[in-house]
Amino acid sequence: MSENGRANYQNCLDKKVYPILGDVKMPEITPAQITALLLDIQATGKAHATVIKVYTVIIFTRFPSHSCPLRSSAYRTAPAYR
């Protein structure tokens, strides 16, 4: 990932994720907390694209690329994606 990409991810975390989730460590965030965070952002009138960006940042921060369920070989070879 480029330095600009990292800076954008960090900015998203600093401005949108950390203020709401506080001191919860990324691996400890539950699906319910992610849902609540995204609904809160949506309720403030932010664009749908912003909600998607925050979700993407959380997923890729919570699951590093080597362990992200969306990047696993099992996911890529699932029957629906062959």
N, C-alpha and C. Protein backbone atom coordinates (compact mmCIF):
# COMPACT_ATOMS: atom_id res chain seq x y z
N MET A 1 0.85 -1.17 0.00
CA MET A 1 0.00 0.00 0.00
C MET A 1 0.90 1.24 0.00
N SER A 2 0.47 2.25 -0.72
CA SER A 2 1.26 3.47 -0.81
C SER A 2 1.18 4.27 0.48
N GLU A 3 2.10 5.20 0.62
CA GLU A 3 2.08 6.08 1.80
C GLU A 3 0.80 6.90 1.84
N ASN A 4 0.33 7.34 0.68
CA ASN A 4 -0.91 8.11 0.62
C ASN A 4 -2.10 7.25 1.07
N GLY A 5 -2.12 6.00 0.64
CA GLY A 5 -3.18 5.09 1.07
C GLY A 5 -3.16 4.87 2.56
N ARG A 6 -1.98 4.66 3.12
CA ARG A 6 -1.86 4.49 4.57
C ARG A 6 -2.33 5.74 5.31
N ALA A 7 -1.95 6.90 4.79
CA ALA A 7 -2.37 8.16 5.43
C ALA A 7 -3.89 8.30 5.39
N ASN A 8 -4.51 7.92 4.28
CA ASN A 8 -5.97 8.00 4.18
C ASN A 8 -6.65 7.05 5.16
N TYR A 9 -6.12 5.82 5.28
CA TYR A 9 -6.67 4.87 6.24
C TYR A 9 -6.53 5.41 7.66
N GLN A 10 -5.35 5.93 7.98
CA GLN A 10 -5.11 6.45 9.33
C GLN A 10 -6.04 7.62 9.63
N ASN A 11 -6.24 8.49 8.66
CA ASN A 11 -7.14 9.63 8.84
C ASN A 11 -8.56 9.16 9.12
N CYS A 12 -9.00 8.15 8.39
CA CYS A 12 -10.34 7.59 8.61
C CYS A 12 -10.46 7.01 10.02
N LEU A 13 -9.44 6.29 10.44
CA LEU A 13 -9.45 5.72 11.79
C LEU A 13 -9.47 6.82 12.84
N ASP A 14 -8.62 7.82 12.67
CA ASP A 14 -8.51 8.90 13.65
C ASP A 14 -9.77 9.74 13.77
N LYS A 15 -10.43 10.00 12.64
CA LYS A 15 -11.58 10.92 12.65
C LYS A 15 -12.93 10.24 12.80
N LYS A 16 -13.03 8.98 12.38
CA LYS A 16 -14.35 8.36 12.38
C LYS A 16 -14.47 7.12 13.27
N VAL A 17 -13.42 6.34 13.39
CA VAL A 17 -13.50 5.08 14.12
C VAL A 17 -13.11 5.26 15.58
N TYR A 18 -11.90 5.74 15.83
CA TYR A 18 -11.41 5.85 17.21
C TYR A 18 -12.28 6.73 18.11
N PRO A 19 -12.81 7.86 17.62
CA PRO A 19 -13.66 8.67 18.51
C PRO A 19 -14.91 7.93 19.01
N ILE A 20 -15.41 7.01 18.21
CA ILE A 20 -16.63 6.29 18.59
C ILE A 20 -16.30 5.03 19.39
N LEU A 21 -15.30 4.28 18.93
CA LEU A 21 -14.98 3.02 19.61
C LEU A 21 -14.05 3.19 20.80
N GLY A 22 -13.42 4.32 20.93
CA GLY A 22 -12.56 4.57 22.08
C GLY A 22 -11.34 3.68 22.12
N ASP A 23 -11.12 3.04 23.26
CA ASP A 23 -9.91 2.26 23.49
C ASP A 23 -10.02 0.79 23.10
N VAL A 24 -11.08 0.40 22.41
CA VAL A 24 -11.24 -0.99 22.00
C VAL A 24 -10.18 -1.30 20.95
N LYS A 25 -9.44 -2.38 21.14
CA LYS A 25 -8.43 -2.77 20.17
C LYS A 25 -9.11 -3.40 18.96
N MET A 26 -8.55 -3.18 17.80
CA MET A 26 -9.15 -3.65 16.55
C MET A 26 -9.53 -5.13 16.58
N PRO A 27 -8.64 -6.03 17.02
CA PRO A 27 -9.03 -7.45 17.00
C PRO A 27 -10.20 -7.79 17.94
N GLU A 28 -10.50 -6.89 18.88
CA GLU A 28 -11.56 -7.14 19.85
C GLU A 28 -12.91 -6.55 19.44
N ILE A 29 -12.94 -5.85 18.32
CA ILE A 29 -14.19 -5.23 17.88
C ILE A 29 -15.15 -6.33 17.42
N THR A 30 -16.38 -6.25 17.90
CA THR A 30 -17.39 -7.24 17.54
C THR A 30 -18.19 -6.78 16.31
N PRO A 31 -18.83 -7.70 15.63
CA PRO A 31 -19.70 -7.31 14.52
C PRO A 31 -20.78 -6.32 14.95
N ALA A 32 -21.31 -6.48 16.15
CA ALA A 32 -22.33 -5.55 16.65
C ALA A 32 -21.77 -4.13 16.79
N GLN A 33 -20.53 -4.02 17.24
CA GLN A 33 -19.90 -2.71 17.37
C GLN A 33 -19.66 -2.08 16.00
N ILE A 34 -19.28 -2.89 15.04
CA ILE A 34 -19.07 -2.38 13.68
C ILE A 34 -20.39 -1.88 13.12
N THR A 35 -21.45 -2.66 13.29
CA THR A 35 -22.77 -2.25 12.82
C THR A 35 -23.21 -0.95 13.46
N ALA A 36 -23.04 -0.84 14.78
CA ALA A 36 -23.44 0.37 15.50
C ALA A 36 -22.64 1.58 15.01
N LEU A 37 -21.35 1.38 14.79
CA LEU A 37 -20.50 2.47 14.29
C LEU A 37 -20.98 2.94 12.93
N LEU A 38 -21.24 2.01 12.03
CA LEU A 38 -21.67 2.37 10.68
C LEU A 38 -23.04 3.05 10.68
N LEU A 39 -23.94 2.56 11.51
CA LEU A 39 -25.26 3.20 11.62
C LEU A 39 -25.15 4.60 12.21
N ASP A 40 -24.25 4.79 13.15
CA ASP A 40 -24.02 6.10 13.75
C ASP A 40 -23.49 7.09 12.71
N ILE A 41 -22.54 6.64 11.91
CA ILE A 41 -21.99 7.49 10.86
C ILE A 41 -23.08 7.84 9.84
N GLN A 42 -23.88 6.85 9.48
CA GLN A 42 -24.97 7.07 8.53
C GLN A 42 -26.00 8.04 9.10
N ALA A 43 -26.28 7.94 10.40
CA ALA A 43 -27.28 8.80 11.03
C ALA A 43 -26.84 10.26 11.07
N THR A 44 -25.54 10.50 10.99
CA THR A 44 -25.06 11.89 11.00
C THR A 44 -25.17 12.53 9.62
N GLY A 45 -25.67 11.76 8.64
CA GLY A 45 -25.89 12.31 7.31
C GLY A 45 -24.72 12.15 6.36
N LYS A 46 -23.73 11.36 6.75
CA LYS A 46 -22.59 11.14 5.86
C LYS A 46 -23.03 10.33 4.64
N ALA A 47 -22.31 10.50 3.56
CA ALA A 47 -22.62 9.80 2.32
C ALA A 47 -22.42 8.30 2.48
N HIS A 48 -23.14 7.54 1.67
CA HIS A 48 -23.02 6.08 1.69
C HIS A 48 -21.58 5.67 1.40
N ALA A 49 -20.92 6.39 0.51
CA ALA A 49 -19.52 6.08 0.18
C ALA A 49 -18.62 6.21 1.41
N THR A 50 -18.93 7.14 2.30
CA THR A 50 -18.15 7.31 3.53
C THR A 50 -18.34 6.09 4.43
N VAL A 51 -19.56 5.62 4.54
CA VAL A 51 -19.85 4.44 5.36
C VAL A 51 -19.10 3.22 4.81
N ILE A 52 -19.10 3.07 3.50
CA ILE A 52 -18.39 1.95 2.86
C ILE A 52 -16.88 2.08 3.10
N LYS A 53 -16.35 3.29 3.01
CA LYS A 53 -14.91 3.49 3.25
C LYS A 53 -14.55 3.11 4.68
N VAL A 54 -15.35 3.55 5.65
CA VAL A 54 -15.08 3.22 7.05
C VAL A 54 -15.13 1.71 7.25
N TYR A 55 -16.13 1.06 6.68
CA TYR A 55 -16.23 -0.40 6.78
C TYR A 55 -14.98 -1.07 6.21
N THR A 56 -14.57 -0.63 5.05
CA THR A 56 -13.38 -1.19 4.40
C THR A 56 -12.15 -1.01 5.26
N VAL A 57 -11.98 0.18 5.82
CA VAL A 57 -10.82 0.45 6.67
C VAL A 57 -10.85 -0.45 7.90
N ILE A 58 -12.01 -0.61 8.51
CA ILE A 58 -12.11 -1.47 9.69
C ILE A 58 -11.76 -2.91 9.35
N ILE A 59 -12.32 -3.43 8.27
CA ILE A 59 -12.07 -4.82 7.89
C ILE A 59 -10.59 -5.04 7.60
N PHE A 60 -9.98 -4.16 6.83
CA PHE A 60 -8.58 -4.35 6.48
C PHE A 60 -7.64 -4.03 7.62
N THR A 61 -8.10 -3.30 8.62
CA THR A 61 -7.29 -3.04 9.80
C THR A 61 -7.46 -4.18 10.80
N ARG A 62 -8.68 -4.66 10.92
CA ARG A 62 -8.98 -5.74 11.87
C ARG A 62 -8.39 -7.06 11.40
N PHE A 63 -8.44 -7.31 10.10
CA PHE A 63 -7.90 -8.54 9.53
C PHE A 63 -6.76 -8.17 8.58
N PRO A 64 -5.52 -8.28 9.03
CA PRO A 64 -4.40 -7.99 8.12
C PRO A 64 -4.52 -8.86 6.86
N SER A 65 -3.90 -8.42 5.80
CA SER A 65 -4.08 -9.07 4.50
C SER A 65 -3.83 -10.57 4.53
N HIS A 66 -2.94 -11.03 5.39
CA HIS A 66 -2.67 -12.47 5.42
C HIS A 66 -3.76 -13.27 6.10
N SER A 67 -4.64 -12.60 6.85
CA SER A 67 -5.69 -13.36 7.55
C SER A 67 -7.10 -12.87 7.24
N CYS A 68 -7.23 -11.94 6.31
CA CYS A 68 -8.55 -11.41 5.98
C CYS A 68 -9.41 -12.51 5.37
N PRO A 69 -10.60 -12.76 5.93
CA PRO A 69 -11.45 -13.81 5.39
C PRO A 69 -11.83 -13.57 3.93
N LEU A 70 -11.88 -12.33 3.51
CA LEU A 70 -12.24 -12.03 2.14
C LEU A 70 -11.10 -12.33 1.17
N ARG A 71 -9.90 -12.51 1.68
CA ARG A 71 -8.76 -12.79 0.82
C ARG A 71 -8.29 -14.23 0.93
N SER A 72 -8.97 -15.03 1.72
CA SER A 72 -8.51 -16.40 1.90
C SER A 72 -8.76 -17.22 0.64
N SER A 73 -7.97 -18.25 0.45
CA SER A 73 -8.14 -19.09 -0.74
C SER A 73 -9.47 -19.81 -0.71
N ALA A 74 -9.97 -20.15 0.47
CA ALA A 74 -11.26 -20.83 0.58
C ALA A 74 -12.38 -19.93 0.04
N TYR A 75 -12.29 -18.64 0.32
CA TYR A 75 -13.31 -17.71 -0.17
C TYR A 75 -13.25 -17.60 -1.69
N ARG A 76 -12.05 -17.48 -2.22
CA ARG A 76 -11.89 -17.30 -3.67
C ARG A 76 -12.32 -18.53 -4.45
N THR A 77 -12.27 -19.70 -3.82
CA THR A 77 -12.62 -20.91 -4.54
C THR A 77 -14.02 -21.42 -4.19
N ALA A 78 -14.78 -20.63 -3.46
CA ALA A 78 -16.15 -21.03 -3.14
C ALA A 78 -16.93 -21.22 -4.44
N PRO A 79 -17.87 -22.15 -4.48
CA PRO A 79 -18.59 -22.45 -5.72
C PRO A 79 -19.19 -21.24 -6.41
N ALA A 80 -19.70 -20.28 -5.65
CA ALA A 80 -20.34 -19.10 -6.26
C ALA A 80 -19.32 -18.22 -6.97
N TYR A 81 -18.04 -18.38 -6.67
CA TYR A 81 -17.03 -17.49 -7.24
C TYR A 81 -16.10 -18.22 -8.20
N ARG A 82 -16.43 -19.42 -8.62
CA ARG A 82 -15.57 -20.16 -9.56
C ARG A 82 -15.80 -19.72 -10.97
